[in-house]
Protein backbone atom coordinates (compact mmCIF):
# COMPACT_ATOMS: atom_id res chain seq x y z
CA UNK A 1 0.00 0.00 0.00
CA UNK A 2 2.91 2.37 0.64
CA UNK A 3 3.77 2.35 -3.07
CA UNK A 4 0.22 3.45 -3.91
CA UNK A 5 0.29 6.13 -1.20
CA UNK A 6 3.46 7.62 -2.67
CA UNK A 7 2.03 7.61 -6.18
CA UNK A 8 -0.91 9.59 -4.84
CA UNK A 9 1.16 11.88 -2.59
CA UNK A 10 3.47 12.83 -5.44
CA UNK A 11 0.57 14.33 -7.43
CA UNK A 12 0.06 17.92 -6.20
CA UNK A 13 -3.75 18.03 -6.14
CA UNK A 14 -3.90 21.22 -4.09
CA UNK A 15 -7.39 22.15 -2.89
CA UNK A 16 -9.25 24.33 -5.46
CA UNK A 17 -6.49 23.61 -8.03
CA UNK A 18 -6.93 19.84 -8.35
CA UNK A 19 -7.70 20.09 -12.05
CA UNK A 20 -4.10 21.08 -12.91
CA UNK A 21 -2.89 17.52 -12.25
CA UNK A 22 -6.19 15.65 -12.26
CA UNK A 23 -5.22 13.60 -15.34
CA UNK A 24 -2.20 12.24 -13.45
CA UNK A 25 -4.45 11.26 -10.57
CA UNK A 26 -6.96 9.58 -12.88
CA UNK A 27 -4.18 7.48 -14.45
CA UNK A 28 -4.14 5.49 -11.20
CA UNK A 29 -7.88 4.74 -11.31
CA UNK A 30 -9.93 2.50 -13.59
CA UNK A 31 -13.57 2.74 -14.71
CA UNK A 32 -14.36 6.10 -13.18
CA UNK A 33 -16.90 8.81 -13.90
CA UNK A 34 -16.29 12.51 -13.30
CA UNK A 35 -18.85 14.68 -11.52
CA UNK A 36 -17.09 17.99 -11.88
CA UNK A 37 -13.81 17.27 -10.10
CA UNK A 38 -15.36 14.53 -7.97
CA UNK A 39 -14.55 10.97 -9.02
CA UNK A 40 -17.09 8.14 -8.88
CA UNK A 41 -16.24 4.45 -9.16
CA UNK A 42 -19.50 2.56 -9.34
CA UNK A 43 -20.13 -0.60 -7.39
CA UNK A 44 -23.09 -2.51 -6.05
CA UNK A 45 -25.64 -1.31 -3.50
CA UNK A 46 -26.36 2.12 -2.09
CA UNK A 47 -23.39 2.46 0.26
CA UNK A 48 -20.32 4.52 -0.61
CA UNK A 49 -16.82 4.78 0.81
CA UNK A 50 -15.71 8.41 0.52
CA UNK A 51 -12.37 10.20 0.85
CA UNK A 52 -11.14 13.57 -0.35
CA UNK A 53 -8.12 13.49 -2.63
CA UNK A 54 -7.27 17.19 -2.45
CA UNK A 55 -4.59 18.28 -0.01
CA UNK A 56 -3.31 21.43 1.62
CA UNK A 57 -0.75 23.42 -0.31
CA UNK A 58 0.28 26.68 -1.87
CA UNK A 59 -0.52 28.55 -5.07
CA UNK A 60 1.63 31.16 -6.75
CA UNK A 61 0.30 34.70 -6.83
CA UNK A 62 2.39 37.67 -8.00
CA UNK A 63 5.68 37.11 -9.78
CA UNK A 64 8.39 39.21 -8.16
CA UNK A 65 11.80 38.62 -9.81
CA UNK A 66 14.57 36.05 -10.10
CA UNK A 67 12.24 33.09 -9.74
CA UNK A 68 10.48 34.46 -6.64
CA UNK A 69 6.71 34.61 -6.19
CA UNK A 70 4.27 35.76 -3.61
CA UNK A 71 1.95 32.90 -2.67
CA UNK A 72 -1.24 32.07 -0.82
CA UNK A 73 -2.19 28.92 1.07
CA UNK A 74 -4.96 26.42 0.48
CA UNK A 75 -6.18 24.83 3.70
CA UNK A 76 -4.81 25.13 7.22
CA UNK A 77 -1.08 25.03 6.53
CA UNK A 78 1.02 24.58 9.68
CA UNK A 79 4.52 25.31 8.36
CA UNK A 80 5.48 28.52 6.55
CA UNK A 81 9.13 27.71 5.82
CA UNK A 82 10.81 24.79 4.06
CA UNK A 83 10.85 23.01 0.72
CA UNK A 84 7.90 22.72 -1.62
CA UNK A 85 7.51 20.91 -4.92
CA UNK A 86 5.41 20.73 -8.05
CA UNK A 87 5.60 19.25 -11.55
CA UNK A 88 6.26 21.00 -14.84
CA UNK A 89 6.17 19.12 -18.15
CA UNK A 90 6.58 15.87 -16.26
CA UNK A 91 9.61 17.01 -14.27
CA UNK A 92 9.76 17.87 -10.59
CA UNK A 93 10.45 21.48 -9.67
CA UNK A 94 11.53 22.55 -6.18
CA UNK A 95 10.97 25.78 -4.33
CA UNK A 96 12.05 27.34 -1.04
CA UNK A 97 9.25 28.69 1.11
CA UNK A 98 10.38 31.62 3.26
CA UNK A 99 9.35 35.15 4.25
CA UNK A 100 5.96 34.90 2.50
CA UNK A 101 7.67 34.03 -0.77
CA UNK A 102 8.43 30.92 -2.82
CA UNK A 103 11.72 30.92 -4.69
CA UNK A 104 11.79 28.35 -7.50
CA UNK A 105 15.22 26.71 -7.79
CA UNK A 106 17.02 26.01 -11.07
CA UNK A 107 14.03 26.93 -13.21
CA UNK A 108 13.93 29.82 -15.65
CA UNK A 109 10.37 30.02 -16.98
CA UNK A 110 7.67 32.12 -15.37
CA UNK A 111 4.90 29.93 -14.01
CA UNK A 112 1.21 30.70 -14.35
CA UNK A 113 -0.73 32.39 -11.61
CA UNK A 114 -2.24 29.91 -9.12
CA UNK A 115 0.24 27.19 -10.07
CA UNK A 116 0.03 24.62 -7.21
CA UNK A 117 2.80 23.46 -4.89
CA UNK A 118 2.82 21.01 -1.97
CA UNK A 119 5.23 20.09 0.79
CA UNK A 120 8.34 18.38 -0.53
CA UNK A 121 9.13 14.74 0.09
CA UNK A 122 8.00 11.13 -0.04
CA UNK A 123 6.32 8.99 2.60
CA UNK A 124 8.91 6.80 4.34
CA UNK A 125 8.50 3.51 6.17
CA UNK A 126 10.17 4.05 9.55
CA UNK A 127 9.65 1.19 11.96
CA UNK A 128 6.03 1.12 13.08
CA UNK A 129 4.99 4.28 11.25
CA UNK A 130 4.80 6.05 7.92
CA UNK A 131 6.19 9.59 7.85
CA UNK A 132 5.85 12.18 5.12
CA UNK A 133 3.83 15.01 3.60
CA UNK A 134 0.27 15.10 2.27
CA UNK A 135 -0.98 11.93 3.95
CA UNK A 136 -4.20 13.83 4.62
CA UNK A 137 -6.10 12.50 2.83
CA UNK A 138 -4.18 10.52 0.24
CA UNK A 139 -3.89 7.79 2.86
CA UNK A 140 -7.67 7.53 3.12
CA UNK A 141 -7.87 7.34 -0.69
CA UNK A 142 -5.26 4.58 -0.79
CA UNK A 143 -7.09 2.50 1.82
CA UNK A 144 -10.44 2.55 0.04
CA UNK A 145 -8.87 2.00 -3.40
CA UNK A 146 -7.11 -1.04 -1.95
CA UNK A 147 -10.41 -2.36 -0.54
CA UNK A 148 -12.05 -1.80 -3.91
CA UNK A 149 -9.75 -4.45 -5.41
CA UNK A 150 -11.59 -7.09 -3.40
CA UNK A 151 -15.08 -5.65 -2.79
CA UNK A 152 -17.48 -4.27 -5.38
CA UNK A 153 -18.49 -1.20 -3.40
CA UNK A 154 -19.13 2.34 -4.60
CA UNK A 155 -16.19 4.71 -4.19
CA UNK A 156 -16.42 8.51 -4.21
CA UNK A 157 -13.28 10.66 -4.20
CA UNK A 158 -13.97 14.32 -3.52
CA UNK A 159 -12.20 17.58 -4.27
CA UNK A 160 -12.14 20.84 -2.32
CA UNK A 161 -12.44 19.56 1.25
CA UNK A 162 -9.38 21.37 2.60
CA UNK A 163 -10.75 24.68 1.39
CA UNK A 164 -14.35 23.89 2.31
CA UNK A 165 -15.64 24.14 -1.26
CA UNK A 166 -16.73 20.58 -2.08
CA UNK A 167 -19.59 20.59 -4.61
CA UNK A 168 -22.11 17.72 -4.46
CA UNK A 169 -25.00 19.00 -6.57
CA UNK A 170 -24.94 16.26 -9.21
CA UNK A 171 -24.09 13.58 -6.66
CA UNK A 172 -27.01 14.71 -4.50
CA UNK A 173 -29.48 14.47 -7.36
CA UNK A 174 -28.47 10.97 -8.42
CA UNK A 175 -27.73 9.39 -5.03
CA UNK A 176 -30.06 11.24 -2.68
CA UNK A 177 -31.02 8.12 -0.69
CA UNK A 178 -27.59 6.52 -0.50
CA UNK A 179 -25.35 6.19 2.56
CA UNK A 180 -21.85 7.69 2.66
CA UNK A 181 -19.01 6.62 4.97
CA UNK A 182 -16.42 9.41 4.90
CA UNK A 183 -12.83 8.52 5.77
CA UNK A 184 -10.48 11.31 6.85
CA UNK A 185 -7.49 12.03 9.05
CA UNK A 186 -7.80 13.90 12.34
CA UNK A 187 -5.06 15.43 14.48
CA UNK A 188 -3.60 12.86 16.86
CA UNK A 189 -3.87 13.47 20.57
CA UNK A 190 -0.68 14.79 22.13
CA UNK A 191 0.16 16.84 25.25
CA UNK A 192 -0.05 20.05 23.20
CA UNK A 193 -3.39 19.32 21.55
CA UNK A 194 -5.86 17.54 23.79
CA UNK A 195 -8.57 17.96 21.17
CA UNK A 196 -7.22 15.19 18.94
CA UNK A 197 -7.82 11.45 18.79
CA UNK A 198 -5.54 8.53 19.59
CA UNK A 199 -7.34 5.73 17.75
CA UNK A 200 -9.79 5.13 14.92
CA UNK A 201 -13.06 6.74 15.92
CA UNK A 202 -16.34 7.81 14.38
CA UNK A 203 -17.86 11.26 14.67
CA UNK A 204 -21.64 11.50 14.72
CA UNK A 205 -21.78 15.27 15.26
CA UNK A 206 -19.82 17.79 13.22
CA UNK A 207 -18.75 21.18 14.48
CA UNK A 208 -21.70 22.93 12.90
CA UNK A 209 -24.06 20.76 14.96
CA UNK A 210 -25.02 18.52 12.04
CA UNK A 211 -25.75 14.98 13.18
CA UNK A 212 -25.31 11.67 11.39
CA UNK A 213 -28.50 9.62 10.98
CA UNK A 214 -29.10 7.10 13.76
CA UNK A 215 -29.15 4.16 11.33
CA UNK A 216 -25.61 4.99 10.17
CA UNK A 217 -24.39 5.41 13.74
CA UNK A 218 -25.90 2.02 14.60
CA UNK A 219 -24.05 0.33 11.71
CA UNK A 220 -20.67 1.96 12.41
CA UNK A 221 -20.76 1.73 16.21
CA UNK A 222 -20.99 -2.05 16.06
CA UNK A 223 -17.38 -2.09 14.90
CA UNK A 224 -16.01 1.26 16.10
CA UNK A 225 -17.09 1.85 19.69
CA UNK A 226 -15.23 5.10 20.34
CA UNK A 227 -16.83 8.37 19.29
CA UNK A 228 -14.71 11.43 18.56
CA UNK A 229 -15.94 14.63 20.17
CA UNK A 230 -16.53 17.84 18.31
CA UNK A 231 -14.34 20.62 19.70
CA UNK A 232 -15.00 23.50 17.35
CA UNK A 233 -17.85 24.90 15.30
CA UNK A 234 -15.34 25.12 12.46
CA UNK A 235 -14.48 21.41 12.52
CA UNK A 236 -15.73 20.01 9.25
CA UNK A 237 -15.21 16.93 7.11
CA UNK A 238 -16.72 15.59 3.92
CA UNK A 239 -19.60 14.39 6.08
CA UNK A 240 -20.42 18.04 6.84
CA UNK A 241 -20.86 18.72 3.14
CA UNK A 242 -23.23 15.78 2.73
CA UNK A 243 -25.32 17.10 5.63
CA UNK A 244 -25.59 20.47 3.88
CA UNK A 245 -27.10 18.70 0.89
CA UNK A 246 -29.55 16.77 3.08
CA UNK A 247 -27.76 13.45 2.54
CA UNK A 248 -26.94 10.58 4.89
CA UNK A 249 -23.28 10.40 5.93
CA UNK A 250 -20.96 9.67 8.84
CA UNK A 251 -17.28 10.38 9.44
CA UNK A 252 -14.65 7.82 10.40
CA UNK A 253 -11.35 9.37 11.50
CA UNK A 254 -7.86 7.93 11.77
CA UNK A 255 -5.18 9.79 13.79
CA UNK A 256 -2.38 11.75 12.10
CA UNK A 257 0.40 13.22 14.20
CA UNK A 258 1.64 16.68 13.10
CA UNK A 259 -1.36 17.06 10.81
CA UNK A 260 -0.93 19.53 7.91
CA UNK A 261 2.84 19.66 8.33
CA UNK A 262 5.65 18.36 6.04
CA UNK A 263 6.14 15.39 8.36
CA UNK A 264 2.75 13.88 9.07
CA UNK A 265 2.94 10.59 10.94
CA UNK A 266 0.55 7.65 10.86
CA UNK A 267 1.10 4.43 12.75
CA UNK A 268 0.85 1.44 10.48
CA UNK A 269 -1.28 -0.50 12.94
CA UNK A 270 -3.93 2.21 12.60
CA UNK A 271 -3.84 1.99 8.81
CA UNK A 272 -4.35 -1.76 8.78
CA UNK A 273 -6.93 -1.54 11.55
CA UNK A 274 -8.86 1.01 9.49
CA UNK A 275 -8.81 -1.31 6.50
CA UNK A 276 -9.92 -4.26 8.63
CA UNK A 277 -12.80 -2.31 10.20
CA UNK A 278 -14.04 -1.01 6.85
CA UNK A 279 -14.04 -4.53 5.43
CA UNK A 280 -16.08 -5.78 8.38
CA UNK A 281 -18.58 -2.96 7.89
CA UNK A 282 -18.84 -3.67 4.15
CA UNK A 283 -19.40 -7.37 4.73
CA UNK A 284 -22.23 -6.54 7.14
CA UNK A 285 -24.10 -4.27 4.74
Foldseek 3Di string as FASTA:
>chain_A
DQVQLQQLQQAQCAFPNNVVRLVSVCVVDPCWDDDPSKIKRAFDDQEEEEAASHFKWKWFAADDDQQKTQIDIQFDADDQFDKKWHADPRHIWIWTGDDRMTHTPPDDDDDDGGRIIFQDDGWDDDPQKTKFPDVWPSLSVVLVVVVVVPHRHMYMYWGNFRRPPTDCVVVCVVNVAGEYEYEGAWADDDPVCNLTHPAKAKEQAELCGHGADPVVCVLLCVLHVHYRDYDHNPGDGVCNVCVVSVHHYIYIYGHWYPPNYRIIMHGVVRSVSVSVSVVVSVVVD
